Structure formats: structure tokens, C-alpha cells
Amino acid sequence: MTESVQIVISGRVQGVYFRAFTQKQAKKLNLTGYAKNLSNGDVEIIACGEKSQLEKLVQWCHKGPIMAKVNSVQTRPLTDARSYQGFDIL
């Protein structure tokens, strides 16, 4: 069963290739959606796929790429997420 989740990561997460590494991780986990920078310095991820794979992505987000310094990861399930073809960087 496909599920969707919103993940918001705060800390030093912009300018450290967080979105690119997230895209690589999401593709490896067969997830769709997107990652984008927010104006407040956070990164937002919308991810869709199998629950176990989404949990792996959330777990990865707590660390992120080597140059990132993650302060917090907030998640919430989405019930109205649309269908995505791949995983994009916005």
C-alpha cells in the first residue's frame, strides 16, 4: 500500500546538497515526490511509497549528507498527496 509523508528538516540543510542526496536516497528506496528549499532555511520533502521505505528515508533524514547538521526532523502523514512520476528537486 502506498503512503505519503511530509518531512521538514531544519538545521544546516541548505547549501550542503541535502536535496540532491535526498533524491538519490529516495530513488534507491523507490519513492516518488520532491525535495525543496523553504524560505526559512529548512528543507521540505514530500515522499510517496511503501511505508517501510518511507521510514528508511525519515531515518536517513536525521543524519543527511556529511556536510549537513540536522537539528530537527518533523513528519506528518499526508492523505491528499498527488501522484508523482519520479523524485524531483524543486
PDB file of N, CA and C in Angstrom:
ATOM      1  N   MET A   1       0.837  -1.182   0.000  1.00  0.00           N
ATOM      2  CA  MET A   1       0.000   0.000   0.000  1.00  0.00           C
ATOM      3  C   MET A   1       0.884   1.249   0.000  1.00  0.00           C
ATOM      4  N   THR A   2       0.546   2.182  -0.858  1.00  0.00           N
ATOM      5  CA  THR A   2       1.319   3.411  -0.978  1.00  0.00           C
ATOM      6  C   THR A   2       0.837   4.443   0.032  1.00  0.00           C
ATOM      7  N   GLU A   3       1.795   5.058   0.696  1.00  0.00           N
ATOM      8  CA  GLU A   3       1.512   6.121   1.659  1.00  0.00           C
ATOM      9  C   GLU A   3       2.309   7.354   1.266  1.00  0.00           C
ATOM     10  N   SER A   4       1.938   8.483   1.863  1.00  0.00           N
ATOM     11  CA  SER A   4       2.635   9.745   1.595  1.00  0.00           C
ATOM     12  C   SER A   4       2.950  10.436   2.909  1.00  0.00           C
ATOM     13  N   VAL A   5       4.089  11.117   2.919  1.00  0.00           N
ATOM     14  CA  VAL A   5       4.514  11.814   4.137  1.00  0.00           C
ATOM     15  C   VAL A   5       5.184  13.136   3.765  1.00  0.00           C
ATOM     16  N   GLN A   6       4.992  14.135   4.626  1.00  0.00           N
ATOM     17  CA  GLN A   6       5.728  15.395   4.516  1.00  0.00           C
ATOM     18  C   GLN A   6       6.811  15.354   5.585  1.00  0.00           C
ATOM     19  N   ILE A   7       8.034  15.701   5.193  1.00  0.00           N
ATOM     20  CA  ILE A   7       9.163  15.752   6.110  1.00  0.00           C
ATOM     21  C   ILE A   7       9.751  17.150   6.021  1.00  0.00           C
ATOM     22  N   VAL A   8       9.935  17.789   7.163  1.00  0.00           N
ATOM     23  CA  VAL A   8      10.578  19.105   7.188  1.00  0.00           C
ATOM     24  C   VAL A   8      11.818  18.987   8.069  1.00  0.00           C
ATOM     25  N   ILE A   9      12.964  19.296   7.471  1.00  0.00           N
ATOM     26  CA  ILE A   9      14.247  19.172   8.161  1.00  0.00           C
ATOM     27  C   ILE A   9      14.803  20.567   8.394  1.00  0.00           C
ATOM     28  N   SER A  10      15.235  20.828   9.633  1.00  0.00           N
ATOM     29  CA  SER A  10      15.840  22.123   9.941  1.00  0.00           C
ATOM     30  C   SER A  10      17.259  21.921  10.444  1.00  0.00           C
ATOM     31  N   GLY A  11      18.032  22.977  10.343  1.00  0.00           N
ATOM     32  CA  GLY A  11      19.438  22.946  10.716  1.00  0.00           C
ATOM     33  C   GLY A  11      20.253  23.509   9.563  1.00  0.00           C
ATOM     34  N   ARG A  12      21.495  23.052   9.430  1.00  0.00           N
ATOM     35  CA  ARG A  12      22.306  23.449   8.270  1.00  0.00           C
ATOM     36  C   ARG A  12      22.004  22.440   7.167  1.00  0.00           C
ATOM     37  N   VAL A  13      20.928  22.713   6.418  1.00  0.00           N
ATOM     38  CA  VAL A  13      20.453  21.759   5.419  1.00  0.00           C
ATOM     39  C   VAL A  13      20.356  22.367   4.018  1.00  0.00           C
ATOM     40  N   GLN A  14      20.643  23.650   3.892  1.00  0.00           N
ATOM     41  CA  GLN A  14      20.706  24.267   2.569  1.00  0.00           C
ATOM     42  C   GLN A  14      22.158  24.580   2.249  1.00  0.00           C
ATOM     43  N   GLY A  15      22.519  24.384   0.977  1.00  0.00           N
ATOM     44  CA  GLY A  15      23.892  24.637   0.554  1.00  0.00           C
ATOM     45  C   GLY A  15      24.833  23.486   0.865  1.00  0.00           C
ATOM     46  N   VAL A  16      24.281  22.334   1.239  1.00  0.00           N
ATOM     47  CA  VAL A  16      25.101  21.158   1.566  1.00  0.00           C
ATOM     48  C   VAL A  16      24.654  19.938   0.750  1.00  0.00           C
ATOM     49  N   TYR A  17      23.950  20.195  -0.359  1.00  0.00           N
ATOM     50  CA  TYR A  17      23.468  19.147  -1.278  1.00  0.00           C
ATOM     51  C   TYR A  17      22.442  18.209  -0.634  1.00  0.00           C
ATOM     52  N   PHE A  18      21.702  18.734   0.354  1.00  0.00           N
ATOM     53  CA  PHE A  18      20.713  17.900   1.039  1.00  0.00           C
ATOM     54  C   PHE A  18      19.661  17.392   0.055  1.00  0.00           C
ATOM     55  N   ARG A  19      19.170  18.271  -0.818  1.00  0.00           N
ATOM     56  CA  ARG A  19      18.133  17.856  -1.765  1.00  0.00           C
ATOM     57  C   ARG A  19      18.650  16.818  -2.750  1.00  0.00           C
ATOM     58  N   ALA A  20      19.862  17.004  -3.249  1.00  0.00           N
ATOM     59  CA  ALA A  20      20.425  16.052  -4.217  1.00  0.00           C
ATOM     60  C   ALA A  20      20.642  14.677  -3.584  1.00  0.00           C
ATOM     61  N   PHE A  21      21.156  14.666  -2.363  1.00  0.00           N
ATOM     62  CA  PHE A  21      21.360  13.391  -1.687  1.00  0.00           C
ATOM     63  C   PHE A  21      20.024  12.747  -1.316  1.00  0.00           C
ATOM     64  N   THR A  22      19.024  13.576  -0.993  1.00  0.00           N
ATOM     65  CA  THR A  22      17.690  13.052  -0.710  1.00  0.00           C
ATOM     66  C   THR A  22      17.112  12.398  -1.954  1.00  0.00           C
ATOM     67  N   GLN A  23      17.293  13.049  -3.097  1.00  0.00           N
ATOM     68  CA  GLN A  23      16.798  12.482  -4.350  1.00  0.00           C
ATOM     69  C   GLN A  23      17.436  11.126  -4.623  1.00  0.00           C
ATOM     70  N   LYS A  24      18.736  11.043  -4.428  1.00  0.00           N
ATOM     71  CA  LYS A  24      19.456   9.780  -4.643  1.00  0.00           C
ATOM     72  C   LYS A  24      18.924   8.699  -3.698  1.00  0.00           C
ATOM     73  N   GLN A  25      18.729   9.054  -2.433  1.00  0.00           N
ATOM     74  CA  GLN A  25      18.233   8.112  -1.427  1.00  0.00           C
ATOM     75  C   GLN A  25      16.806   7.673  -1.773  1.00  0.00           C
ATOM     76  N   ALA A  26      15.969   8.621  -2.168  1.00  0.00           N
ATOM     77  CA  ALA A  26      14.575   8.315  -2.498  1.00  0.00           C
ATOM     78  C   ALA A  26      14.489   7.379  -3.702  1.00  0.00           C
ATOM     79  N   LYS A  27      15.312   7.634  -4.705  1.00  0.00           N
ATOM     80  CA  LYS A  27      15.306   6.759  -5.879  1.00  0.00           C
ATOM     81  C   LYS A  27      15.756   5.351  -5.509  1.00  0.00           C
ATOM     82  N   LYS A  28      16.751   5.258  -4.632  1.00  0.00           N
ATOM     83  CA  LYS A  28      17.229   3.948  -4.181  1.00  0.00           C
ATOM     84  C   LYS A  28      16.116   3.195  -3.444  1.00  0.00           C
ATOM     85  N   LEU A  29      15.261   3.942  -2.727  1.00  0.00           N
ATOM     86  CA  LEU A  29      14.169   3.348  -1.960  1.00  0.00           C
ATOM     87  C   LEU A  29      12.877   3.232  -2.772  1.00  0.00           C
ATOM     88  N   ASN A  30      12.943   3.598  -4.051  1.00  0.00           N
ATOM     89  CA  ASN A  30      11.790   3.506  -4.949  1.00  0.00           C
ATOM     90  C   ASN A  30      10.632   4.405  -4.493  1.00  0.00           C
ATOM     91  N   LEU A  31      10.973   5.617  -4.060  1.00  0.00           N
ATOM     92  CA  LEU A  31       9.976   6.587  -3.609  1.00  0.00           C
ATOM     93  C   LEU A  31       9.805   7.673  -4.666  1.00  0.00           C
ATOM     94  N   THR A  32       8.644   8.301  -4.689  1.00  0.00           N
ATOM     95  CA  THR A  32       8.390   9.426  -5.573  1.00  0.00           C
ATOM     96  C   THR A  32       8.087  10.661  -4.735  1.00  0.00           C
ATOM     97  N   GLY A  33       8.130  11.835  -5.373  1.00  0.00           N
ATOM     98  CA  GLY A  33       7.829  13.072  -4.666  1.00  0.00           C
ATOM     99  C   GLY A  33       8.810  14.154  -5.033  1.00  0.00           C
ATOM    100  N   TYR A  34       9.184  14.964  -4.040  1.00  0.00           N
ATOM    101  CA  TYR A  34      10.128  16.049  -4.305  1.00  0.00           C
ATOM    102  C   TYR A  34      10.796  16.518  -3.017  1.00  0.00           C
ATOM    103  N   ALA A  35      11.882  17.267  -3.198  1.00  0.00           N
ATOM    104  CA  ALA A  35      12.568  17.958  -2.104  1.00  0.00           C
ATOM    105  C   ALA A  35      12.757  19.396  -2.541  1.00  0.00           C
ATOM    106  N   LYS A  36      12.473  20.338  -1.641  1.00  0.00           N
ATOM    107  CA  LYS A  36      12.671  21.747  -1.996  1.00  0.00           C
ATOM    108  C   LYS A  36      13.134  22.536  -0.787  1.00  0.00           C
ATOM    109  N   ASN A  37      13.880  23.614  -1.074  1.00  0.00           N
ATOM    110  CA  ASN A  37      14.305  24.549  -0.038  1.00  0.00           C
ATOM    111  C   ASN A  37      13.130  25.440   0.338  1.00  0.00           C
ATOM    112  N   LEU A  38      12.994  25.728   1.616  1.00  0.00           N
ATOM    113  CA  LEU A  38      11.995  26.678   2.091  1.00  0.00           C
ATOM    114  C   LEU A  38      12.678  27.999   2.408  1.00  0.00           C
ATOM    115  N   SER A  39      11.924  29.079   2.385  1.00  0.00           N
ATOM    116  CA  SER A  39      12.498  30.408   2.583  1.00  0.00           C
ATOM    117  C   SER A  39      13.086  30.605   3.981  1.00  0.00           C
ATOM    118  N   ASN A  40      12.670  29.798   4.960  1.00  0.00           N
ATOM    119  CA  ASN A  40      13.191  29.931   6.323  1.00  0.00           C
ATOM    120  C   ASN A  40      14.475  29.134   6.554  1.00  0.00           C
ATOM    121  N   GLY A  41      15.012  28.487   5.501  1.00  0.00           N
ATOM    122  CA  GLY A  41      16.259  27.734   5.624  1.00  0.00           C
ATOM    123  C   GLY A  41      16.066  26.241   5.807  1.00  0.00           C
ATOM    124  N   ASP A  42      14.826  25.794   5.951  1.00  0.00           N
ATOM    125  CA  ASP A  42      14.531  24.364   6.089  1.00  0.00           C
ATOM    126  C   ASP A  42      14.445  23.702   4.714  1.00  0.00           C
ATOM    127  N   VAL A  43      14.401  22.391   4.716  1.00  0.00           N
ATOM    128  CA  VAL A  43      14.141  21.618   3.504  1.00  0.00           C
ATOM    129  C   VAL A  43      12.844  20.848   3.718  1.00  0.00           C
ATOM    130  N   GLU A  44      11.955  20.905   2.723  1.00  0.00           N
ATOM    131  CA  GLU A  44      10.709  20.147   2.768  1.00  0.00           C
ATOM    132  C   GLU A  44      10.799  19.001   1.778  1.00  0.00           C
ATOM    133  N   ILE A  45      10.350  17.837   2.223  1.00  0.00           N
ATOM    134  CA  ILE A  45      10.298  16.654   1.376  1.00  0.00           C
ATOM    135  C   ILE A  45       8.868  16.142   1.381  1.00  0.00           C
ATOM    136  N   ILE A  46       8.342  15.858   0.207  1.00  0.00           N
ATOM    137  CA  ILE A  46       7.103  15.113   0.076  1.00  0.00           C
ATOM    138  C   ILE A  46       7.507  13.789  -0.561  1.00  0.00           C
ATOM    139  N   ALA A  47       7.213  12.688   0.120  1.00  0.00           N
ATOM    140  CA  ALA A  47       7.623  11.380  -0.375  1.00  0.00           C
ATOM    141  C   ALA A  47       6.435  10.423  -0.358  1.00  0.00           C
ATOM    142  N   CYS A  48       6.349   9.602  -1.400  1.00  0.00           N
ATOM    143  CA  CYS A  48       5.270   8.633  -1.543  1.00  0.00           C
ATOM    144  C   CYS A  48       5.876   7.272  -1.851  1.00  0.00           C
ATOM    145  N   GLY A  49       5.321   6.238  -1.219  1.00  0.00           N
ATOM    146  CA  GLY A  49       5.801   4.886  -1.469  1.00  0.00           C
ATOM    147  C   GLY A  49       5.388   3.952  -0.353  1.00  0.00           C
ATOM    148  N   GLU A  50       6.056   2.825  -0.282  1.00  0.00           N
ATOM    149  CA  GLU A  50       5.775   1.823   0.742  1.00  0.00           C
ATOM    150  C   GLU A  50       6.191   2.356   2.114  1.00  0.00           C
ATOM    151  N   LYS A  51       5.395   2.040   3.123  1.00  0.00           N
ATOM    152  CA  LYS A  51       5.630   2.558   4.473  1.00  0.00           C
ATOM    153  C   LYS A  51       7.038   2.243   4.972  1.00  0.00           C
ATOM    154  N   SER A  52       7.503   1.023   4.759  1.00  0.00           N
ATOM    155  CA  SER A  52       8.834   0.640   5.253  1.00  0.00           C
ATOM    156  C   SER A  52       9.928   1.469   4.582  1.00  0.00           C
ATOM    157  N   GLN A  53       9.749   1.799   3.310  1.00  0.00           N
ATOM    158  CA  GLN A  53      10.739   2.600   2.602  1.00  0.00           C
ATOM    159  C   GLN A  53      10.679   4.060   3.055  1.00  0.00           C
ATOM    160  N   LEU A  54       9.475   4.557   3.326  1.00  0.00           N
ATOM    161  CA  LEU A  54       9.337   5.917   3.849  1.00  0.00           C
ATOM    162  C   LEU A  54      10.020   6.037   5.204  1.00  0.00           C
ATOM    163  N   GLU A  55       9.883   5.013   6.043  1.00  0.00           N
ATOM    164  CA  GLU A  55      10.537   5.025   7.354  1.00  0.00           C
ATOM    165  C   GLU A  55      12.050   5.075   7.211  1.00  0.00           C
ATOM    166  N   LYS A  56      12.585   4.380   6.214  1.00  0.00           N
ATOM    167  CA  LYS A  56      14.036   4.417   5.968  1.00  0.00           C
ATOM    168  C   LYS A  56      14.480   5.811   5.540  1.00  0.00           C
ATOM    169  N   LEU A  57      13.666   6.485   4.707  1.00  0.00           N
ATOM    170  CA  LEU A  57      14.011   7.839   4.288  1.00  0.00           C
ATOM    171  C   LEU A  57      13.985   8.790   5.478  1.00  0.00           C
ATOM    172  N   VAL A  58      12.972   8.682   6.320  1.00  0.00           N
ATOM    173  CA  VAL A  58      12.889   9.539   7.510  1.00  0.00           C
ATOM    174  C   VAL A  58      14.104   9.311   8.400  1.00  0.00           C
ATOM    175  N   GLN A  59      14.476   8.064   8.585  1.00  0.00           N
ATOM    176  CA  GLN A  59      15.651   7.738   9.400  1.00  0.00           C
ATOM    177  C   GLN A  59      16.904   8.370   8.792  1.00  0.00           C
ATOM    178  N   TRP A  60      17.047   8.287   7.470  1.00  0.00           N
ATOM    179  CA  TRP A  60      18.202   8.882   6.793  1.00  0.00           C
ATOM    180  C   TRP A  60      18.213  10.397   6.995  1.00  0.00           C
ATOM    181  N   CYS A  61      17.035  11.036   6.973  1.00  0.00           N
ATOM    182  CA  CYS A  61      16.943  12.498   7.110  1.00  0.00           C
ATOM    183  C   CYS A  61      17.488  12.992   8.444  1.00  0.00           C
ATOM    184  N   HIS A  62      17.488  12.167   9.455  1.00  0.00           N
ATOM    185  CA  HIS A  62      18.021  12.580  10.752  1.00  0.00           C
ATOM    186  C   HIS A  62      19.529  12.822  10.688  1.00  0.00           C
ATOM    187  N   LYS A  63      20.192  12.231   9.706  1.00  0.00           N
ATOM    188  CA  LYS A  63      21.624  12.438   9.534  1.00  0.00           C
ATOM    189  C   LYS A  63      21.906  13.291   8.304  1.00  0.00           C
ATOM    190  N   GLY A  64      21.335  12.913   7.170  1.00  0.00           N
ATOM    191  CA  GLY A  64      21.546  13.648   5.924  1.00  0.00           C
ATOM    192  C   GLY A  64      22.955  13.475   5.391  1.00  0.00           C
ATOM    193  N   PRO A  65      23.329  14.294   4.404  1.00  0.00           N
ATOM    194  CA  PRO A  65      24.682  14.210   3.847  1.00  0.00           C
ATOM    195  C   PRO A  65      25.728  14.681   4.859  1.00  0.00           C
ATOM    196  N   ILE A  66      26.967  14.370   4.586  1.00  0.00           N
ATOM    197  CA  ILE A  66      28.061  14.587   5.541  1.00  0.00           C
ATOM    198  C   ILE A  66      28.205  16.046   5.978  1.00  0.00           C
ATOM    199  N   MET A  67      27.942  17.010   5.093  1.00  0.00           N
ATOM    200  CA  MET A  67      28.121  18.424   5.436  1.00  0.00           C
ATOM    201  C   MET A  67      26.924  19.015   6.182  1.00  0.00           C
ATOM    202  N   ALA A  68      25.822  18.274   6.252  1.00  0.00           N
ATOM    203  CA  ALA A  68      24.619  18.791   6.914  1.00  0.00           C
ATOM    204  C   ALA A  68      24.744  18.674   8.429  1.00  0.00           C
ATOM    205  N   LYS A  69      24.011  19.550   9.113  1.00  0.00           N
ATOM    206  CA  LYS A  69      23.872  19.452  10.566  1.00  0.00           C
ATOM    207  C   LYS A  69      22.372  19.557  10.846  1.00  0.00           C
ATOM    208  N   VAL A  70      21.755  18.414  11.044  1.00  0.00           N
ATOM    209  CA  VAL A  70      20.306  18.356  11.231  1.00  0.00           C
ATOM    210  C   VAL A  70      19.963  18.647  12.689  1.00  0.00           C
ATOM    211  N   ASN A  71      19.095  19.639  12.896  1.00  0.00           N
ATOM    212  CA  ASN A  71      18.622  19.969  14.240  1.00  0.00           C
ATOM    213  C   ASN A  71      17.305  19.286  14.568  1.00  0.00           C
ATOM    214  N   SER A  72      16.417  19.208  13.579  1.00  0.00           N
ATOM    215  CA  SER A  72      15.139  18.540  13.825  1.00  0.00           C
ATOM    216  C   SER A  72      14.552  17.996  12.528  1.00  0.00           C
ATOM    217  N   VAL A  73      13.759  16.947  12.682  1.00  0.00           N
ATOM    218  CA  VAL A  73      13.035  16.337  11.569  1.00  0.00           C
ATOM    219  C   VAL A  73      11.590  16.194  12.016  1.00  0.00           C
ATOM    220  N   GLN A  74      10.704  16.865  11.304  1.00  0.00           N
ATOM    221  CA  GLN A  74       9.279  16.778  11.608  1.00  0.00           C
ATOM    222  C   GLN A  74       8.583  16.043  10.475  1.00  0.00           C
ATOM    223  N   THR A  75       7.725  15.106  10.824  1.00  0.00           N
ATOM    224  CA  THR A  75       6.996  14.359   9.805  1.00  0.00           C
ATOM    225  C   THR A  75       5.508  14.414  10.090  1.00  0.00           C
ATOM    226  N   ARG A  76       4.750  14.333   9.006  1.00  0.00           N
ATOM    227  CA  ARG A  76       3.307  14.186   9.154  1.00  0.00           C
ATOM    228  C   ARG A  76       2.785  13.440   7.938  1.00  0.00           C
ATOM    229  N   PRO A  77       1.863  12.513   8.179  1.00  0.00           N
ATOM    230  CA  PRO A  77       1.285  11.767   7.055  1.00  0.00           C
ATOM    231  C   PRO A  77       0.400  12.680   6.211  1.00  0.00           C
ATOM    232  N   LEU A  78       0.355  12.406   4.929  1.00  0.00           N
ATOM    233  CA  LEU A  78      -0.485  13.166   4.009  1.00  0.00           C
ATOM    234  C   LEU A  78      -1.583  12.244   3.477  1.00  0.00           C
ATOM    235  N   THR A  79      -2.794  12.733   3.478  1.00  0.00           N
ATOM    236  CA  THR A  79      -3.904  11.942   2.930  1.00  0.00           C
ATOM    237  C   THR A  79      -4.328  12.448   1.563  1.00  0.00           C
ATOM    238  N   ASP A  80      -3.879  13.648   1.213  1.00  0.00           N
ATOM    239  CA  ASP A  80      -4.308  14.256  -0.047  1.00  0.00           C
ATOM    240  C   ASP A  80      -3.160  14.440  -1.043  1.00  0.00           C
ATOM    241  N   ALA A  81      -2.091  13.678  -0.887  1.00  0.00           N
ATOM    242  CA  ALA A  81      -0.928  13.841  -1.772  1.00  0.00           C
ATOM    243  C   ALA A  81      -1.279  13.365  -3.183  1.00  0.00           C
ATOM    244  N   ARG A  82      -0.754  14.075  -4.146  1.00  0.00           N
ATOM    245  CA  ARG A  82      -0.994  13.683  -5.528  1.00  0.00           C
ATOM    246  C   ARG A  82       0.020  12.640  -5.962  1.00  0.00           C
ATOM    247  N   SER A  83      -0.183  12.121  -7.132  1.00  0.00           N
ATOM    248  CA  SER A  83       0.706  11.095  -7.662  1.00  0.00           C
ATOM    249  C   SER A  83       1.908  11.750  -8.355  1.00  0.00           C
ATOM    250  N   TYR A  84       3.082  11.236  -8.112  1.00  0.00           N
ATOM    251  CA  TYR A  84       4.315  11.760  -8.715  1.00  0.00           C
ATOM    252  C   TYR A  84       4.928  10.695  -9.608  1.00  0.00           C
ATOM    253  N   GLN A  85       5.568  11.150 -10.686  1.00  0.00           N
ATOM    254  CA  GLN A  85       6.198  10.237 -11.626  1.00  0.00           C
ATOM    255  C   GLN A  85       7.583   9.786 -11.171  1.00  0.00           C
ATOM    256  N   GLY A  86       8.304  10.670 -10.529  1.00  0.00           N
ATOM    257  CA  GLY A  86       9.657  10.385 -10.079  1.00  0.00           C
ATOM    258  C   GLY A  86       9.915  11.158  -8.790  1.00  0.00           C
ATOM    259  N   PHE A  87      11.182  11.420  -8.513  1.00  0.00           N
ATOM    260  CA  PHE A  87      11.528  12.228  -7.349  1.00  0.00           C
ATOM    261  C   PHE A  87      12.324  13.430  -7.843  1.00  0.00           C
ATOM    262  N   ASP A  88      11.751  14.620  -7.674  1.00  0.00           N
ATOM    263  CA  ASP A  88      12.323  15.838  -8.236  1.00  0.00           C
ATOM    264  C   ASP A  88      12.954  16.730  -7.180  1.00  0.00           C
ATOM    265  N   ILE A  89      13.838  17.597  -7.648  1.00  0.00           N
ATOM    266  CA  ILE A  89      14.390  18.670  -6.827  1.00  0.00           C
ATOM    267  C   ILE A  89      13.732  19.958  -7.302  1.00  0.00           C
ATOM    268  N   LEU A  90      13.075  20.646  -6.403  1.00  0.00           N
ATOM    269  CA  LEU A  90      12.397  21.900  -6.770  1.00  0.00           C
ATOM    270  C   LEU A  90      13.160  23.091  -6.224  1.00  0.00           C
TER     271      LEU A  90
END
